[in-house]
Amino acid sequence: MSLFTVAEAREVLIGLLPTIERFITVRADTAEIQASVRGHTLGGAMELHELEQRLDSLMRTIQETGVQVKGWAPLLLDFPATLDGEDVLLCWLEGDLGLAWYHRAEVGFAGRRPLRFDA
């Protein structure tokens, strides 16, 4: 597993933003189709399958960068890193304006702390 610097993780996140935006849109479309086909025997199954395939493809694109996907809704991404000699996960949650949080792996999301500005 490779580790990101804060600068590298922020650069990767910026590069992933178009993929993330597509993922969020396709995820919403998938949820709507799932709701409409639930209980119906006709229609929607093929479209739902295609949307699920697109979600899988977008997820693979994200993961191929070395980013860990910890949640789908909301989208939660972790970037393995080292801060002050300690292994941490730089943490981005859907809706965050940028990469501004981290937590120790063993503590998880509940231990999120803000990154220092000089990090």
PDB file of N, CA and C in Angstrom:
ATOM      1  N   MET A   1       0.851  -1.179   0.000  1.00  0.00           N
ATOM      2  CA  MET A   1       0.000   0.000   0.000  1.00  0.00           C
ATOM      3  C   MET A   1       0.895   1.239   0.000  1.00  0.00           C
ATOM      4  N   SER A   2       0.656   2.114  -0.932  1.00  0.00           N
ATOM      5  CA  SER A   2       1.446   3.344  -0.984  1.00  0.00           C
ATOM      6  C   SER A   2       0.787   4.407  -0.106  1.00  0.00           C
ATOM      7  N   LEU A   3       1.617   5.297   0.408  1.00  0.00           N
ATOM      8  CA  LEU A   3       1.132   6.374   1.262  1.00  0.00           C
ATOM      9  C   LEU A   3       1.137   7.686   0.488  1.00  0.00           C
ATOM     10  N   PHE A   4       0.163   8.513   0.749  1.00  0.00           N
ATOM     11  CA  PHE A   4       0.053   9.822   0.136  1.00  0.00           C
ATOM     12  C   PHE A   4       0.649  10.868   1.067  1.00  0.00           C
ATOM     13  N   THR A   5       1.240  11.896   0.496  1.00  0.00           N
ATOM     14  CA  THR A   5       1.475  13.107   1.269  1.00  0.00           C
ATOM     15  C   THR A   5       0.156  13.878   1.237  1.00  0.00           C
ATOM     16  N   VAL A   6       0.019  14.870   2.095  1.00  0.00           N
ATOM     17  CA  VAL A   6      -1.199  15.680   2.073  1.00  0.00           C
ATOM     18  C   VAL A   6      -1.352  16.342   0.708  1.00  0.00           C
ATOM     19  N   ALA A   7      -0.262  16.881   0.174  1.00  0.00           N
ATOM     20  CA  ALA A   7      -0.324  17.548  -1.141  1.00  0.00           C
ATOM     21  C   ALA A   7      -0.727  16.570  -2.238  1.00  0.00           C
ATOM     22  N   GLU A   8      -0.157  15.358  -2.225  1.00  0.00           N
ATOM     23  CA  GLU A   8      -0.516  14.352  -3.240  1.00  0.00           C
ATOM     24  C   GLU A   8      -1.987  13.960  -3.120  1.00  0.00           C
ATOM     25  N   ALA A   9      -2.447  13.754  -1.901  1.00  0.00           N
ATOM     26  CA  ALA A   9      -3.848  13.365  -1.698  1.00  0.00           C
ATOM     27  C   ALA A   9      -4.791  14.459  -2.198  1.00  0.00           C
ATOM     28  N   ARG A  10      -4.446  15.701  -1.917  1.00  0.00           N
ATOM     29  CA  ARG A  10      -5.292  16.802  -2.390  1.00  0.00           C
ATOM     30  C   ARG A  10      -5.298  16.867  -3.916  1.00  0.00           C
ATOM     31  N   GLU A  11      -4.158  16.617  -4.529  1.00  0.00           N
ATOM     32  CA  GLU A  11      -4.081  16.611  -5.992  1.00  0.00           C
ATOM     33  C   GLU A  11      -4.915  15.474  -6.579  1.00  0.00           C
ATOM     34  N   VAL A  12      -4.822  14.293  -5.982  1.00  0.00           N
ATOM     35  CA  VAL A  12      -5.614  13.148  -6.449  1.00  0.00           C
ATOM     36  C   VAL A  12      -7.106  13.445  -6.286  1.00  0.00           C
ATOM     37  N   LEU A  13      -7.490  14.017  -5.149  1.00  0.00           N
ATOM     38  CA  LEU A  13      -8.892  14.349  -4.928  1.00  0.00           C
ATOM     39  C   LEU A  13      -9.390  15.319  -5.992  1.00  0.00           C
ATOM     40  N   ILE A  14      -8.621  16.340  -6.292  1.00  0.00           N
ATOM     41  CA  ILE A  14      -9.022  17.306  -7.327  1.00  0.00           C
ATOM     42  C   ILE A  14      -9.196  16.591  -8.666  1.00  0.00           C
ATOM     43  N   GLY A  15      -8.277  15.686  -8.985  1.00  0.00           N
ATOM     44  CA  GLY A  15      -8.391  14.933 -10.229  1.00  0.00           C
ATOM     45  C   GLY A  15      -9.593  14.001 -10.255  1.00  0.00           C
ATOM     46  N   LEU A  16     -10.015  13.533  -9.079  1.00  0.00           N
ATOM     47  CA  LEU A  16     -11.153  12.607  -8.995  1.00  0.00           C
ATOM     48  C   LEU A  16     -12.507  13.315  -8.972  1.00  0.00           C
ATOM     49  N   LEU A  17     -12.530  14.620  -8.781  1.00  0.00           N
ATOM     50  CA  LEU A  17     -13.811  15.314  -8.629  1.00  0.00           C
ATOM     51  C   LEU A  17     -14.801  15.058  -9.762  1.00  0.00           C
ATOM     52  N   PRO A  18     -14.383  15.054 -11.034  1.00  0.00           N
ATOM     53  CA  PRO A  18     -15.361  14.729 -12.085  1.00  0.00           C
ATOM     54  C   PRO A  18     -15.923  13.310 -11.931  1.00  0.00           C
ATOM     55  N   THR A  19     -15.078  12.353 -11.565  1.00  0.00           N
ATOM     56  CA  THR A  19     -15.536  10.977 -11.351  1.00  0.00           C
ATOM     57  C   THR A  19     -16.476  10.920 -10.160  1.00  0.00           C
ATOM     58  N   ILE A  20     -16.143  11.625  -9.094  1.00  0.00           N
ATOM     59  CA  ILE A  20     -16.983  11.662  -7.896  1.00  0.00           C
ATOM     60  C   ILE A  20     -18.350  12.258  -8.228  1.00  0.00           C
ATOM     61  N   GLU A  21     -18.360  13.336  -8.998  1.00  0.00           N
ATOM     62  CA  GLU A  21     -19.629  13.954  -9.382  1.00  0.00           C
ATOM     63  C   GLU A  21     -20.488  12.990 -10.201  1.00  0.00           C
ATOM     64  N   ARG A  22     -19.857  12.270 -11.149  1.00  0.00           N
ATOM     65  CA  ARG A  22     -20.595  11.271 -11.931  1.00  0.00           C
ATOM     66  C   ARG A  22     -21.112  10.164 -11.024  1.00  0.00           C
ATOM     67  N   PHE A  23     -20.271   9.707 -10.084  1.00  0.00           N
ATOM     68  CA  PHE A  23     -20.681   8.651  -9.159  1.00  0.00           C
ATOM     69  C   PHE A  23     -21.921   9.082  -8.378  1.00  0.00           C
ATOM     70  N   ILE A  24     -21.921  10.291  -7.848  1.00  0.00           N
ATOM     71  CA  ILE A  24     -23.054  10.776  -7.051  1.00  0.00           C
ATOM     72  C   ILE A  24     -24.324  10.840  -7.898  1.00  0.00           C
ATOM     73  N   THR A  25     -24.204  11.304  -9.137  1.00  0.00           N
ATOM     74  CA  THR A  25     -25.361  11.370 -10.039  1.00  0.00           C
ATOM     75  C   THR A  25     -25.892   9.982 -10.358  1.00  0.00           C
ATOM     76  N   VAL A  26     -24.988   9.063 -10.717  1.00  0.00           N
ATOM     77  CA  VAL A  26     -25.413   7.694 -11.066  1.00  0.00           C
ATOM     78  C   VAL A  26     -25.988   6.987  -9.839  1.00  0.00           C
ATOM     79  N   ARG A  27     -25.412   7.240  -8.663  1.00  0.00           N
ATOM     80  CA  ARG A  27     -25.936   6.638  -7.435  1.00  0.00           C
ATOM     81  C   ARG A  27     -27.379   7.090  -7.207  1.00  0.00           C
ATOM     82  N   ALA A  28     -27.653   8.385  -7.401  1.00  0.00           N
ATOM     83  CA  ALA A  28     -29.012   8.905  -7.229  1.00  0.00           C
ATOM     84  C   ALA A  28     -29.957   8.313  -8.273  1.00  0.00           C
ATOM     85  N   ASP A  29     -29.502   8.234  -9.527  1.00  0.00           N
ATOM     86  CA  ASP A  29     -30.326   7.628 -10.582  1.00  0.00           C
ATOM     87  C   ASP A  29     -30.643   6.174 -10.246  1.00  0.00           C
ATOM     88  N   THR A  30     -29.642   5.460  -9.734  1.00  0.00           N
ATOM     89  CA  THR A  30     -29.824   4.050  -9.376  1.00  0.00           C
ATOM     90  C   THR A  30     -30.862   3.915  -8.267  1.00  0.00           C
ATOM     91  N   ALA A  31     -30.786   4.770  -7.262  1.00  0.00           N
ATOM     92  CA  ALA A  31     -31.748   4.716  -6.154  1.00  0.00           C
ATOM     93  C   ALA A  31     -33.167   4.969  -6.652  1.00  0.00           C
ATOM     94  N   GLU A  32     -33.312   5.911  -7.584  1.00  0.00           N
ATOM     95  CA  GLU A  32     -34.641   6.216  -8.119  1.00  0.00           C
ATOM     96  C   GLU A  32     -35.189   5.039  -8.915  1.00  0.00           C
ATOM     97  N   ILE A  33     -34.355   4.437  -9.755  1.00  0.00           N
ATOM     98  CA  ILE A  33     -34.801   3.282 -10.551  1.00  0.00           C
ATOM     99  C   ILE A  33     -35.137   2.109  -9.628  1.00  0.00           C
ATOM    100  N   GLN A  34     -34.296   1.877  -8.608  1.00  0.00           N
ATOM    101  CA  GLN A  34     -34.574   0.792  -7.663  1.00  0.00           C
ATOM    102  C   GLN A  34     -35.940   0.989  -7.011  1.00  0.00           C
ATOM    103  N   ALA A  35     -36.237   2.207  -6.628  1.00  0.00           N
ATOM    104  CA  ALA A  35     -37.527   2.488  -5.991  1.00  0.00           C
ATOM    105  C   ALA A  35     -38.686   2.275  -6.957  1.00  0.00           C
ATOM    106  N   SER A  36     -38.481   2.619  -8.221  1.00  0.00           N
ATOM    107  CA  SER A  36     -39.584   2.497  -9.179  1.00  0.00           C
ATOM    108  C   SER A  36     -39.808   1.053  -9.631  1.00  0.00           C
ATOM    109  N   VAL A  37     -38.774   0.220  -9.636  1.00  0.00           N
ATOM    110  CA  VAL A  37     -38.961  -1.163 -10.095  1.00  0.00           C
ATOM    111  C   VAL A  37     -39.333  -2.104  -8.950  1.00  0.00           C
ATOM    112  N   ARG A  38     -39.164  -1.662  -7.719  1.00  0.00           N
ATOM    113  CA  ARG A  38     -39.507  -2.499  -6.574  1.00  0.00           C
ATOM    114  C   ARG A  38     -40.990  -2.873  -6.649  1.00  0.00           C
ATOM    115  N   GLY A  39     -41.254  -4.129  -6.686  1.00  0.00           N
ATOM    116  CA  GLY A  39     -42.631  -4.594  -6.738  1.00  0.00           C
ATOM    117  C   GLY A  39     -43.215  -4.689  -8.132  1.00  0.00           C
ATOM    118  N   HIS A  40     -42.495  -4.264  -9.141  1.00  0.00           N
ATOM    119  CA  HIS A  40     -42.973  -4.353 -10.519  1.00  0.00           C
ATOM    120  C   HIS A  40     -42.208  -5.462 -11.234  1.00  0.00           C
ATOM    121  N   THR A  41     -42.902  -6.195 -12.060  1.00  0.00           N
ATOM    122  CA  THR A  41     -42.254  -7.280 -12.790  1.00  0.00           C
ATOM    123  C   THR A  41     -41.776  -6.842 -14.164  1.00  0.00           C
ATOM    124  N   LEU A  42     -42.243  -5.703 -14.642  1.00  0.00           N
ATOM    125  CA  LEU A  42     -41.873  -5.241 -15.978  1.00  0.00           C
ATOM    126  C   LEU A  42     -41.120  -3.915 -15.904  1.00  0.00           C
ATOM    127  N   GLY A  43     -40.153  -3.757 -16.780  1.00  0.00           N
ATOM    128  CA  GLY A  43     -39.484  -2.474 -16.957  1.00  0.00           C
ATOM    129  C   GLY A  43     -38.487  -2.111 -15.873  1.00  0.00           C
ATOM    130  N   GLY A  44     -37.439  -1.454 -16.312  1.00  0.00           N
ATOM    131  CA  GLY A  44     -36.454  -0.914 -15.403  1.00  0.00           C
ATOM    132  C   GLY A  44     -35.286  -1.815 -15.068  1.00  0.00           C
ATOM    133  N   ALA A  45     -35.445  -3.122 -15.199  1.00  0.00           N
ATOM    134  CA  ALA A  45     -34.386  -4.048 -14.793  1.00  0.00           C
ATOM    135  C   ALA A  45     -33.113  -3.842 -15.611  1.00  0.00           C
ATOM    136  N   MET A  46     -33.251  -3.665 -16.913  1.00  0.00           N
ATOM    137  CA  MET A  46     -32.076  -3.483 -17.766  1.00  0.00           C
ATOM    138  C   MET A  46     -31.378  -2.164 -17.454  1.00  0.00           C
ATOM    139  N   GLU A  47     -32.164  -1.117 -17.305  1.00  0.00           N
ATOM    140  CA  GLU A  47     -31.594   0.189 -16.973  1.00  0.00           C
ATOM    141  C   GLU A  47     -30.901   0.147 -15.614  1.00  0.00           C
ATOM    142  N   LEU A  48     -31.507  -0.538 -14.652  1.00  0.00           N
ATOM    143  CA  LEU A  48     -30.912  -0.677 -13.329  1.00  0.00           C
ATOM    144  C   LEU A  48     -29.579  -1.415 -13.420  1.00  0.00           C
ATOM    145  N   HIS A  49     -29.537  -2.478 -14.199  1.00  0.00           N
ATOM    146  CA  HIS A  49     -28.295  -3.239 -14.367  1.00  0.00           C
ATOM    147  C   HIS A  49     -27.197  -2.355 -14.975  1.00  0.00           C
ATOM    148  N   GLU A  50     -27.547  -1.566 -15.979  1.00  0.00           N
ATOM    149  CA  GLU A  50     -26.571  -0.677 -16.620  1.00  0.00           C
ATOM    150  C   GLU A  50     -26.050   0.377 -15.634  1.00  0.00           C
ATOM    151  N   LEU A  51     -26.930   0.930 -14.823  1.00  0.00           N
ATOM    152  CA  LEU A  51     -26.514   1.914 -13.834  1.00  0.00           C
ATOM    153  C   LEU A  51     -25.589   1.281 -12.794  1.00  0.00           C
ATOM    154  N   GLU A  52     -25.910   0.076 -12.351  1.00  0.00           N
ATOM    155  CA  GLU A  52     -25.064  -0.617 -11.382  1.00  0.00           C
ATOM    156  C   GLU A  52     -23.683  -0.906 -11.969  1.00  0.00           C
ATOM    157  N   GLN A  53     -23.627  -1.236 -13.259  1.00  0.00           N
ATOM    158  CA  GLN A  53     -22.344  -1.458 -13.931  1.00  0.00           C
ATOM    159  C   GLN A  53     -21.534  -0.159 -13.972  1.00  0.00           C
ATOM    160  N   ARG A  54     -22.219   0.962 -14.236  1.00  0.00           N
ATOM    161  CA  ARG A  54     -21.528   2.259 -14.250  1.00  0.00           C
ATOM    162  C   ARG A  54     -20.998   2.624 -12.866  1.00  0.00           C
ATOM    163  N   LEU A  55     -21.792   2.345 -11.831  1.00  0.00           N
ATOM    164  CA  LEU A  55     -21.337   2.594 -10.462  1.00  0.00           C
ATOM    165  C   LEU A  55     -20.078   1.789 -10.156  1.00  0.00           C
ATOM    166  N   ASP A  56     -20.089   0.517 -10.529  1.00  0.00           N
ATOM    167  CA  ASP A  56     -18.915  -0.340 -10.300  1.00  0.00           C
ATOM    168  C   ASP A  56     -17.696   0.207 -11.029  1.00  0.00           C
ATOM    169  N   SER A  57     -17.873   0.647 -12.252  1.00  0.00           N
ATOM    170  CA  SER A  57     -16.766   1.179 -13.040  1.00  0.00           C
ATOM    171  C   SER A  57     -16.206   2.461 -12.408  1.00  0.00           C
ATOM    172  N   LEU A  58     -17.089   3.345 -11.981  1.00  0.00           N
ATOM    173  CA  LEU A  58     -16.653   4.582 -11.340  1.00  0.00           C
ATOM    174  C   LEU A  58     -15.931   4.282 -10.022  1.00  0.00           C
ATOM    175  N   MET A  59     -16.420   3.302  -9.285  1.00  0.00           N
ATOM    176  CA  MET A  59     -15.785   2.921  -8.026  1.00  0.00           C
ATOM    177  C   MET A  59     -14.380   2.372  -8.288  1.00  0.00           C
ATOM    178  N   ARG A  60     -14.229   1.559  -9.316  1.00  0.00           N
ATOM    179  CA  ARG A  60     -12.903   1.037  -9.667  1.00  0.00           C
ATOM    180  C   ARG A  60     -11.954   2.170 -10.041  1.00  0.00           C
ATOM    181  N   THR A  61     -12.438   3.156 -10.774  1.00  0.00           N
ATOM    182  CA  THR A  61     -11.616   4.308 -11.145  1.00  0.00           C
ATOM    183  C   THR A  61     -11.099   5.015  -9.897  1.00  0.00           C
ATOM    184  N   ILE A  62     -11.945   5.182  -8.917  1.00  0.00           N
ATOM    185  CA  ILE A  62     -11.530   5.821  -7.660  1.00  0.00           C
ATOM    186  C   ILE A  62     -10.494   4.956  -6.949  1.00  0.00           C
ATOM    187  N   GLN A  63     -10.777   3.672  -6.811  1.00  0.00           N
ATOM    188  CA  GLN A  63      -9.898   2.776  -6.064  1.00  0.00           C
ATOM    189  C   GLN A  63      -8.544   2.573  -6.741  1.00  0.00           C
ATOM    190  N   GLU A  64      -8.490   2.668  -8.053  1.00  0.00           N
ATOM    191  CA  GLU A  64      -7.225   2.479  -8.780  1.00  0.00           C
ATOM    192  C   GLU A  64      -6.195   3.555  -8.428  1.00  0.00           C
ATOM    193  N   THR A  65      -6.625   4.645  -7.837  1.00  0.00           N
ATOM    194  CA  THR A  65      -5.700   5.704  -7.438  1.00  0.00           C
ATOM    195  C   THR A  65      -5.020   5.397  -6.103  1.00  0.00           C
ATOM    196  N   GLY A  66      -5.467   4.352  -5.407  1.00  0.00           N
ATOM    197  CA  GLY A  66      -4.956   4.023  -4.087  1.00  0.00           C
ATOM    198  C   GLY A  66      -5.834   4.544  -2.966  1.00  0.00           C
ATOM    199  N   VAL A  67      -6.905   5.222  -3.325  1.00  0.00           N
ATOM    200  CA  VAL A  67      -7.857   5.748  -2.348  1.00  0.00           C
ATOM    201  C   VAL A  67      -8.747   4.602  -1.872  1.00  0.00           C
ATOM    202  N   GLN A  68      -9.036   4.597  -0.577  1.00  0.00           N
ATOM    203  CA  GLN A  68      -9.918   3.586   0.009  1.00  0.00           C
ATOM    204  C   GLN A  68     -11.336   4.147   0.086  1.00  0.00           C
ATOM    205  N   VAL A  69     -12.300   3.396  -0.417  1.00  0.00           N
ATOM    206  CA  VAL A  69     -13.702   3.807  -0.337  1.00  0.00           C
ATOM    207  C   VAL A  69     -14.284   3.160   0.911  1.00  0.00           C
ATOM    208  N   LYS A  70     -14.717   3.999   1.850  1.00  0.00           N
ATOM    209  CA  LYS A  70     -15.236   3.500   3.122  1.00  0.00           C
ATOM    210  C   LYS A  70     -16.752   3.588   3.217  1.00  0.00           C
ATOM    211  N   GLY A  71     -17.372   4.338   2.322  1.00  0.00           N
ATOM    212  CA  GLY A  71     -18.827   4.453   2.323  1.00  0.00           C
ATOM    213  C   GLY A  71     -19.319   4.944   0.976  1.00  0.00           C
ATOM    214  N   TRP A  72     -20.529   4.523   0.610  1.00  0.00           N
ATOM    215  CA  TRP A  72     -21.110   4.872  -0.687  1.00  0.00           C
ATOM    216  C   TRP A  72     -22.106   6.021  -0.601  1.00  0.00           C
ATOM    217  N   ALA A  73     -22.848   6.081   0.486  1.00  0.00           N
ATOM    218  CA  ALA A  73     -23.896   7.092   0.607  1.00  0.00           C
ATOM    219  C   ALA A  73     -23.995   7.527   2.062  1.00  0.00           C
ATOM    220  N   PRO A  74     -23.368   8.606   2.426  1.00  0.00           N
ATOM    221  CA  PRO A  74     -22.566   9.480   1.573  1.00  0.00           C
ATOM    222  C   PRO A  74     -21.218   8.846   1.237  1.00  0.00           C
ATOM    223  N   LEU A  75     -20.632   9.317   0.157  1.00  0.00           N
ATOM    224  CA  LEU A  75     -19.329   8.829  -0.279  1.00  0.00           C
ATOM    225  C   LEU A  75     -18.272   9.249   0.739  1.00  0.00           C
ATOM    226  N   LEU A  76     -17.504   8.272   1.203  1.00  0.00           N
ATOM    227  CA  LEU A  76     -16.466   8.507   2.200  1.00  0.00           C
ATOM    228  C   LEU A  76     -15.171   7.898   1.683  1.00  0.00           C
ATOM    229  N   LEU A  77     -14.146   8.737   1.524  1.00  0.00           N
ATOM    230  CA  LEU A  77     -12.864   8.304   0.970  1.00  0.00           C
ATOM    231  C   LEU A  77     -11.754   8.520   1.981  1.00  0.00           C
ATOM    232  N   ASP A  78     -10.848   7.540   2.069  1.00  0.00           N
ATOM    233  CA  ASP A  78      -9.666   7.652   2.919  1.00  0.00           C
ATOM    234  C   ASP A  78      -8.413   7.523   2.070  1.00  0.00           C
ATOM    235  N   PHE A  79      -7.431   8.353   2.365  1.00  0.00           N
ATOM    236  CA  PHE A  79      -6.140   8.368   1.689  1.00  0.00           C
ATOM    237  C   PHE A  79      -5.083   7.958   2.711  1.00  0.00           C
ATOM    238  N   PRO A  80      -4.514   6.761   2.613  1.00  0.00           N
ATOM    239  CA  PRO A  80      -3.472   6.353   3.569  1.00  0.00           C
ATOM    240  C   PRO A  80      -2.300   7.335   3.529  1.00  0.00           C
ATOM    241  N   ALA A  81      -1.831   7.745   4.702  1.00  0.00           N
ATOM    242  CA  ALA A  81      -0.772   8.749   4.779  1.00  0.00           C
ATOM    243  C   ALA A  81      -0.007   8.594   6.096  1.00  0.00           C
ATOM    244  N   THR A  82       1.039   9.385   6.224  1.00  0.00           N
ATOM    245  CA  THR A  82       1.776   9.494   7.474  1.00  0.00           C
ATOM    246  C   THR A  82       1.827  10.965   7.852  1.00  0.00           C
ATOM    247  N   LEU A  83       1.450  11.259   9.095  1.00  0.00           N
ATOM    248  CA  LEU A  83       1.533  12.623   9.625  1.00  0.00           C
ATOM    249  C   LEU A  83       2.352  12.567  10.900  1.00  0.00           C
ATOM    250  N   ASP A  84       3.382  13.377  10.964  1.00  0.00           N
ATOM    251  CA  ASP A  84       4.241  13.431  12.150  1.00  0.00           C
ATOM    252  C   ASP A  84       4.702  12.038  12.565  1.00  0.00           C
ATOM    253  N   GLY A  85       5.030  11.200  11.569  1.00  0.00           N
ATOM    254  CA  GLY A  85       5.541   9.866  11.833  1.00  0.00           C
ATOM    255  C   GLY A  85       4.488   8.836  12.216  1.00  0.00           C
ATOM    256  N   GLU A  86       3.232   9.205  12.180  1.00  0.00           N
ATOM    257  CA  GLU A  86       2.146   8.300  12.556  1.00  0.00           C
ATOM    258  C   GLU A  86       1.307   7.958  11.330  1.00  0.00           C
ATOM    259  N   ASP A  87       0.988   6.671  11.157  1.00  0.00           N
ATOM    260  CA  ASP A  87       0.114   6.262  10.059  1.00  0.00           C
ATOM    261  C   ASP A  87      -1.301   6.753  10.334  1.00  0.00           C
ATOM    262  N   VAL A  88      -1.868   7.438   9.350  1.00  0.00           N
ATOM    263  CA  VAL A  88      -3.218   7.995   9.467  1.00  0.00           C
ATOM    264  C   VAL A  88      -3.947   7.796   8.146  1.00  0.00           C
ATOM    265  N   LEU A  89      -5.208   8.136   8.157  1.00  0.00           N
ATOM    266  CA  LEU A  89      -6.013   8.178   6.943  1.00  0.00           C
ATOM    267  C   LEU A  89      -6.516   9.603   6.771  1.00  0.00           C
ATOM    268  N   LEU A  90      -6.142  10.228   5.669  1.00  0.00           N
ATOM    269  CA  LEU A  90      -6.690  11.532   5.320  1.00  0.00           C
ATOM    270  C   LEU A  90      -8.105  11.269   4.840  1.00  0.00           C
ATOM    271  N   CYS A  91      -9.054  12.008   5.338  1.00  0.00           N
ATOM    272  CA  CYS A  91     -10.461  11.627   5.213  1.00  0.00           C
ATOM    273  C   CYS A  91     -11.256  12.696   4.466  1.00  0.00           C
ATOM    274  N   TRP A  92     -11.990  12.263   3.445  1.00  0.00           N
ATOM    275  CA  TRP A  92     -12.874  13.160   2.699  1.00  0.00           C
ATOM    276  C   TRP A  92     -14.276  12.574   2.720  1.00  0.00           C
ATOM    277  N   LEU A  93     -15.243  13.373   3.118  1.00  0.00           N
ATOM    278  CA  LEU A  93     -16.646  12.976   3.160  1.00  0.00           C
ATOM    279  C   LEU A  93     -17.415  13.813   2.152  1.00  0.00           C
ATOM    280  N   GLU A  94     -18.278  13.162   1.402  1.00  0.00           N
ATOM    281  CA  GLU A  94     -19.113  13.863   0.428  1.00  0.00           C
ATOM    282  C   GLU A  94     -19.682  15.133   1.061  1.00  0.00           C
ATOM    283  N   GLY A  95     -19.489  16.242   0.387  1.00  0.00           N
ATOM    284  CA  GLY A  95     -19.935  17.530   0.900  1.00  0.00           C
ATOM    285  C   GLY A  95     -18.784  18.369   1.446  1.00  0.00           C
ATOM    286  N   ASP A  96     -17.659  17.713   1.813  1.00  0.00           N
ATOM    287  CA  ASP A  96     -16.482  18.466   2.248  1.00  0.00           C
ATOM    288  C   ASP A  96     -15.986  19.307   1.078  1.00  0.00           C
ATOM    289  N   LEU A  97     -15.509  20.502   1.366  1.00  0.00           N
ATOM    290  CA  LEU A  97     -15.018  21.393   0.312  1.00  0.00           C
ATOM    291  C   LEU A  97     -13.639  20.993  -0.184  1.00  0.00           C
ATOM    292  N   GLY A  98     -12.903  20.287   0.619  1.00  0.00           N
ATOM    293  CA  GLY A  98     -11.567  19.837   0.244  1.00  0.00           C
ATOM    294  C   GLY A  98     -11.119  18.770   1.222  1.00  0.00           C
ATOM    295  N   LEU A  99      -9.868  18.410   1.135  1.00  0.00           N
ATOM    296  CA  LEU A  99      -9.314  17.394   2.031  1.00  0.00           C
ATOM    297  C   LEU A  99      -8.790  18.117   3.267  1.00  0.00           C
ATOM    298  N   ALA A 100      -9.551  18.083   4.345  1.00  0.00           N
ATOM    299  CA  ALA A 100      -9.228  18.880   5.517  1.00  0.00           C
ATOM    300  C   ALA A 100      -9.271  18.092   6.822  1.00  0.00           C
ATOM    301  N   TRP A 101      -9.414  16.766   6.750  1.00  0.00           N
ATOM    302  CA  TRP A 101      -9.567  15.940   7.950  1.00  0.00           C
ATOM    303  C   TRP A 101      -8.658  14.718   7.880  1.00  0.00           C
ATOM    304  N   TYR A 102      -8.357  14.162   9.044  1.00  0.00           N
ATOM    305  CA  TYR A 102      -7.625  12.901   9.128  1.00  0.00           C
ATOM    306  C   TYR A 102      -8.068  12.163  10.388  1.00  0.00           C
ATOM    307  N   HIS A 103      -7.747  10.879  10.434  1.00  0.00           N
ATOM    308  CA  HIS A 103      -7.972  10.087  11.638  1.00  0.00           C
ATOM    309  C   HIS A 103      -7.031   8.895  11.632  1.00  0.00           C
ATOM    310  N   ARG A 104      -6.741   8.389  12.821  1.00  0.00           N
ATOM    311  CA  ARG A 104      -5.956   7.169  12.915  1.00  0.00           C
ATOM    312  C   ARG A 104      -6.827   6.008  12.447  1.00  0.00           C
ATOM    313  N   ALA A 105      -6.226   5.041  11.789  1.00  0.00           N
ATOM    314  CA  ALA A 105      -6.985   3.921  11.224  1.00  0.00           C
ATOM    315  C   ALA A 105      -7.765   3.167  12.288  1.00  0.00           C
ATOM    316  N   GLU A 106      -7.142   2.950  13.437  1.00  0.00           N
ATOM    317  CA  GLU A 106      -7.801   2.151  14.467  1.00  0.00           C
ATOM    318  C   GLU A 106      -8.925   2.903  15.180  1.00  0.00           C
ATOM    319  N   VAL A 107      -8.980   4.214  15.012  1.00  0.00           N
ATOM    320  CA  VAL A 107     -10.021   5.011  15.655  1.00  0.00           C
ATOM    321  C   VAL A 107     -11.213   5.174  14.726  1.00  0.00           C
ATOM    322  N   GLY A 108     -10.949   5.315  13.438  1.00  0.00           N
ATOM    323  CA  GLY A 108     -12.028   5.466  12.474  1.00  0.00           C
ATOM    324  C   GLY A 108     -12.608   6.866  12.422  1.00  0.00           C
ATOM    325  N   PHE A 109     -13.726   6.963  11.727  1.00  0.00           N
ATOM    326  CA  PHE A 109     -14.359   8.247  11.431  1.00  0.00           C
ATOM    327  C   PHE A 109     -14.657   9.057  12.686  1.00  0.00           C
ATOM    328  N   ALA A 110     -15.019   8.390  13.769  1.00  0.00           N
ATOM    329  CA  ALA A 110     -15.349   9.093  15.011  1.00  0.00           C
ATOM    330  C   ALA A 110     -14.155   9.888  15.547  1.00  0.00           C
ATOM    331  N   GLY A 111     -12.945   9.502  15.144  1.00  0.00           N
ATOM    332  CA  GLY A 111     -11.746  10.195  15.593  1.00  0.00           C
ATOM    333  C   GLY A 111     -11.242  11.240  14.622  1.00  0.00           C
ATOM    334  N   ARG A 112     -12.098  11.677  13.694  1.00  0.00           N
ATOM    335  CA  ARG A 112     -11.681  12.687  12.710  1.00  0.00           C
ATOM    336  C   ARG A 112     -11.213  13.954  13.388  1.00  0.00           C
ATOM    337  N   ARG A 113     -10.084  14.459  12.899  1.00  0.00           N
ATOM    338  CA  ARG A 113      -9.530  15.729  13.391  1.00  0.00           C
ATOM    339  C   ARG A 113      -9.180  16.599  12.188  1.00  0.00           C
ATOM    340  N   PRO A 114      -9.260  17.913  12.363  1.00  0.00           N
ATOM    341  CA  PRO A 114      -8.912  18.791  11.242  1.00  0.00           C
ATOM    342  C   PRO A 114      -7.405  18.761  10.982  1.00  0.00           C
ATOM    343  N   LEU A 115      -7.034  18.806   9.702  1.00  0.00           N
ATOM    344  CA  LEU A 115      -5.633  18.936   9.329  1.00  0.00           C
ATOM    345  C   LEU A 115      -5.167  20.346   9.643  1.00  0.00           C
ATOM    346  N   ARG A 116      -3.932  20.468  10.061  1.00  0.00           N
ATOM    347  CA  ARG A 116      -3.356  21.796  10.247  1.00  0.00           C
ATOM    348  C   ARG A 116      -3.189  22.445   8.877  1.00  0.00           C
ATOM    349  N   PHE A 117      -3.201  23.741   8.829  1.00  0.00           N
ATOM    350  CA  PHE A 117      -3.041  24.452   7.562  1.00  0.00           C
ATOM    351  C   PHE A 117      -1.668  24.231   6.961  1.00  0.00           C
ATOM    352  N   ASP A 118      -0.651  23.965   7.793  1.00  0.00           N
ATOM    353  CA  ASP A 118       0.697  23.773   7.273  1.00  0.00           C
ATOM    354  C   ASP A 118       0.974  22.346   6.846  1.00  0.00           C
ATOM    355  N   ALA A 119      -0.041  21.459   6.955  1.00  0.00           N
ATOM    356  CA  ALA A 119       0.159  20.046   6.594  1.00  0.00           C
ATOM    357  C   ALA A 119       0.181  19.883   5.091  1.00  0.00           C
TER     358      ALA A 119
END
